[in-house]
């Protein structure tokens, strides 16, 4: 029995009819000693089966070191959402931990966004991100039961799609409690930019751009 209900699959099939460019899901897992590795792979498999425009590739984190290095994967389970087809492109969109609960929504939205090739950000945000000269690493700490987390994840992934200088990671805190402790996450969502700027709560796009300006000055 799959993880997705048949009713949900039908809704997704309908949504995926809008897919334009092919999308590739790259999953990193390992057979043993990984919380939710199997479930993460199964979610990706079930979603990929719903459209011929979505492909799936699975790597073993311990064995496929070339792929781990190529995608700069730091931990598992991990999902990369990228453009597939004849012109593949990794935009730096990462899910660390199973995209379940409320986090399933940004996972599906990312697939649609990558297929469109349009971040949906405002012209002002696009212009600001075009000025980036140094990489930005954005980490968004979430929990599956947090209704405000998808907004923060979505915005970070929009920025990653918009700029090659941005990598954006969703990190599920119950699967990576050591990271939550290290970054002093006491509530979610918490967004961390370049290990220096910490933002609590889901904030509007314009407010996030002010923090991006601060990161650029730093």
Protein backbone atom coordinates (compact mmCIF):
# COMPACT_ATOMS: atom_id res chain seq x y z
CA UNK A 1 0.00 0.00 0.00
CA UNK A 2 1.40 3.39 -1.01
CA UNK A 3 1.92 6.41 1.19
CA UNK A 4 -0.33 8.61 -0.95
CA UNK A 5 -4.08 8.11 -1.00
CA UNK A 6 -5.70 7.47 -4.37
CA UNK A 7 -7.74 10.65 -4.06
CA UNK A 8 -4.53 12.65 -3.53
CA UNK A 9 -2.92 10.96 -6.52
CA UNK A 10 -5.83 11.98 -8.72
CA UNK A 11 -5.49 15.60 -7.59
CA UNK A 12 -1.77 15.53 -8.33
CA UNK A 13 -2.27 13.95 -11.74
CA UNK A 14 -4.57 16.83 -12.59
CA UNK A 15 -2.07 19.41 -11.28
CA UNK A 16 0.81 17.80 -13.17
CA UNK A 17 -0.99 18.26 -16.46
CA UNK A 18 0.34 21.82 -16.26
CA UNK A 19 3.96 20.64 -16.25
CA UNK A 20 5.96 22.18 -19.07
CA UNK A 21 9.66 21.30 -18.87
CA UNK A 22 10.70 17.91 -17.47
CA UNK A 23 11.56 17.67 -13.78
CA UNK A 24 14.02 15.29 -12.17
CA UNK A 25 13.90 14.14 -8.56
CA UNK A 26 17.25 12.93 -7.22
CA UNK A 27 16.98 10.98 -3.98
CA UNK A 28 19.86 10.12 -1.65
CA UNK A 29 19.29 7.32 0.81
CA UNK A 30 20.87 4.17 2.22
CA UNK A 31 19.46 0.79 3.14
CA UNK A 32 20.20 0.92 6.87
CA UNK A 33 20.40 3.38 9.76
CA UNK A 34 18.56 6.31 8.23
CA UNK A 35 15.34 7.63 9.73
CA UNK A 36 12.64 7.92 7.06
CA UNK A 37 15.00 7.02 4.20
CA UNK A 38 12.65 4.37 2.89
CA UNK A 39 9.57 6.58 3.25
CA UNK A 40 11.30 9.51 1.54
CA UNK A 41 12.25 7.34 -1.43
CA UNK A 42 8.71 5.93 -1.63
CA UNK A 43 7.14 9.41 -1.61
CA UNK A 44 9.42 10.47 -4.47
CA UNK A 45 8.66 7.25 -6.38
CA UNK A 46 4.91 7.65 -6.02
CA UNK A 47 5.01 11.30 -7.11
CA UNK A 48 7.25 10.53 -10.10
CA UNK A 49 4.84 7.80 -11.21
CA UNK A 50 2.07 10.37 -11.62
CA UNK A 51 3.54 12.12 -14.67
CA UNK A 52 5.78 11.14 -17.56
CA UNK A 53 7.41 14.57 -17.21
CA UNK A 54 8.85 13.63 -13.80
CA UNK A 55 11.85 11.31 -13.65
CA UNK A 56 13.55 9.81 -10.63
CA UNK A 57 17.12 8.81 -9.82
CA UNK A 58 18.13 7.20 -6.53
CA UNK A 59 21.67 7.14 -5.10
CA UNK A 60 23.16 5.33 -2.14
CA UNK A 61 24.75 7.90 0.16
CA UNK A 62 27.50 5.51 1.24
CA UNK A 63 28.32 3.99 -2.15
CA UNK A 64 27.68 6.67 -4.78
CA UNK A 65 30.23 9.20 -3.57
CA UNK A 66 30.67 10.85 -6.97
CA UNK A 67 26.98 11.78 -7.02
CA UNK A 68 27.10 12.87 -3.37
CA UNK A 69 29.96 15.23 -4.18
CA UNK A 70 28.40 16.44 -7.43
CA UNK A 71 25.18 17.44 -5.70
CA UNK A 72 26.98 18.49 -2.47
CA UNK A 73 24.69 16.35 -0.34
CA UNK A 74 25.44 16.73 3.35
CA UNK A 75 23.02 14.31 4.99
CA UNK A 76 20.19 11.87 4.29
CA UNK A 77 17.43 11.44 3.43
CA UNK A 78 17.74 14.11 0.77
CA UNK A 79 15.80 15.09 -2.34
CA UNK A 80 17.04 17.38 -5.09
CA UNK A 81 14.35 18.96 -7.28
CA UNK A 82 15.93 19.96 -10.58
CA UNK A 83 15.19 20.42 -14.26
CA UNK A 84 15.47 17.18 -16.19
CA UNK A 85 15.45 16.27 -19.85
CA UNK A 86 18.11 17.19 -22.40
CA UNK A 87 19.13 20.36 -20.55
CA UNK A 88 19.26 19.37 -16.89
CA UNK A 89 19.97 22.02 -14.28
CA UNK A 90 20.41 21.81 -10.54
CA UNK A 91 19.01 25.01 -9.02
CA UNK A 92 20.16 24.27 -5.48
CA UNK A 93 16.75 23.20 -4.19
CA UNK A 94 17.11 20.64 -1.40
CA UNK A 95 14.81 18.75 0.96
CA UNK A 96 16.64 17.20 3.90
CA UNK A 97 14.11 14.94 5.54
CA UNK A 98 10.85 13.53 4.31
CA UNK A 99 8.54 16.10 2.68
CA UNK A 100 5.54 14.99 4.72
CA UNK A 101 2.73 16.76 6.51
CA UNK A 102 2.64 20.44 5.64
CA UNK A 103 6.00 20.09 3.84
CA UNK A 104 4.43 18.00 1.11
CA UNK A 105 2.88 21.18 -0.31
CA UNK A 106 6.16 23.01 -1.05
CA UNK A 107 7.55 19.77 -2.51
CA UNK A 108 4.75 19.69 -5.09
CA UNK A 109 4.92 23.46 -5.62
CA UNK A 110 8.66 23.17 -6.30
CA UNK A 111 8.04 20.56 -8.98
CA UNK A 112 5.56 22.87 -10.70
CA UNK A 113 7.88 25.87 -10.31
CA UNK A 114 10.92 24.08 -11.70
CA UNK A 115 8.86 22.87 -14.65
CA UNK A 116 7.70 26.43 -15.39
CA UNK A 117 11.22 27.79 -14.97
CA UNK A 118 9.84 30.88 -13.26
CA UNK A 119 10.40 31.69 -9.59
CA UNK A 120 7.34 33.88 -9.31
CA UNK A 121 9.30 36.48 -7.33
CA UNK A 122 8.62 40.19 -7.75
CA UNK A 123 10.70 42.25 -10.15
CA UNK A 124 12.32 44.02 -7.20
CA UNK A 125 13.40 40.71 -5.67
CA UNK A 126 14.73 39.46 -9.01
CA UNK A 127 16.75 42.65 -9.44
CA UNK A 128 18.24 42.34 -5.96
CA UNK A 129 19.20 38.68 -6.37
CA UNK A 130 20.82 39.54 -9.71
CA UNK A 131 23.29 41.67 -7.75
CA UNK A 132 24.62 38.74 -5.71
CA UNK A 133 28.36 38.22 -6.13
CA UNK A 134 28.89 35.70 -3.33
CA UNK A 135 27.03 32.47 -2.58
CA UNK A 136 24.13 32.45 -0.14
CA UNK A 137 23.32 29.26 1.74
CA UNK A 138 19.79 29.38 3.13
CA UNK A 139 18.62 26.73 5.60
CA UNK A 140 14.97 26.60 6.64
CA UNK A 141 14.27 24.51 9.73
CA UNK A 142 10.78 23.03 9.79
CA UNK A 143 8.50 20.46 11.36
CA UNK A 144 5.79 18.50 9.51
CA UNK A 145 3.09 19.82 11.84
CA UNK A 146 3.98 23.51 11.32
CA UNK A 147 1.42 25.30 9.11
CA UNK A 148 3.67 28.36 8.65
CA UNK A 149 6.77 26.46 7.54
CA UNK A 150 5.79 25.88 3.90
CA UNK A 151 5.74 29.63 3.25
CA UNK A 152 9.34 29.96 4.46
CA UNK A 153 10.50 26.92 2.49
CA UNK A 154 8.73 28.08 -0.63
CA UNK A 155 10.33 31.53 -0.51
CA UNK A 156 13.82 30.10 0.00
CA UNK A 157 13.38 27.72 -2.92
CA UNK A 158 12.06 30.52 -5.11
CA UNK A 159 15.28 32.41 -4.45
CA UNK A 160 17.33 29.33 -5.31
CA UNK A 161 15.55 28.98 -8.64
CA UNK A 162 16.01 32.67 -9.37
CA UNK A 163 19.74 32.88 -8.63
CA UNK A 164 22.63 30.50 -9.24
CA UNK A 165 24.27 32.08 -6.19
CA UNK A 166 21.62 30.70 -3.81
CA UNK A 167 21.28 27.20 -2.39
CA UNK A 168 18.22 26.61 -0.21
CA UNK A 169 17.74 23.63 2.10
CA UNK A 170 14.64 22.52 3.94
CA UNK A 171 15.75 20.73 7.11
CA UNK A 172 13.25 18.70 9.13
CA UNK A 173 14.24 19.12 12.80
CA UNK A 174 12.98 15.80 14.17
CA UNK A 175 15.22 13.95 11.72
CA UNK A 176 18.22 16.22 12.34
CA UNK A 177 18.00 17.25 16.01
CA UNK A 178 21.76 17.89 16.19
CA UNK A 179 21.38 20.65 13.60
CA UNK A 180 18.41 22.12 15.45
CA UNK A 181 20.55 22.19 18.58
CA UNK A 182 23.55 23.70 16.79
CA UNK A 183 21.46 26.49 15.25
CA UNK A 184 19.49 27.01 18.48
CA UNK A 185 16.15 26.30 16.86
CA UNK A 186 13.51 26.82 19.54
CA UNK A 187 10.61 27.34 17.18
CA UNK A 188 9.87 26.79 13.50
CA UNK A 189 10.22 27.98 10.90
CA UNK A 190 13.70 29.34 11.52
CA UNK A 191 15.68 30.53 8.48
CA UNK A 192 19.46 30.71 8.70
CA UNK A 193 21.47 32.56 6.04
CA UNK A 194 25.19 31.79 5.70
CA UNK A 195 25.27 30.54 9.31
CA UNK A 196 25.08 34.16 10.47
CA UNK A 197 21.61 35.62 10.03
CA UNK A 198 18.76 33.91 11.88
CA UNK A 199 15.14 34.75 11.10
CA UNK A 200 12.23 33.36 13.10
CA UNK A 201 8.81 32.89 11.60
CA UNK A 202 7.45 33.05 8.07
CA UNK A 203 8.04 36.58 6.81
CA UNK A 204 6.86 38.30 3.60
CA UNK A 205 9.03 38.38 0.51
CA UNK A 206 9.85 42.08 0.87
CA UNK A 207 10.99 41.60 4.45
CA UNK A 208 13.19 38.67 3.41
CA UNK A 209 14.84 40.85 0.77
CA UNK A 210 15.91 43.26 3.52
CA UNK A 211 17.70 40.36 5.21
CA UNK A 212 19.26 39.43 1.87
CA UNK A 213 20.63 42.96 1.67
CA UNK A 214 22.10 42.48 5.15
CA UNK A 215 23.68 39.21 4.05
CA UNK A 216 25.16 40.94 1.00
CA UNK A 217 26.71 43.61 3.23
CA UNK A 218 28.15 40.90 5.45
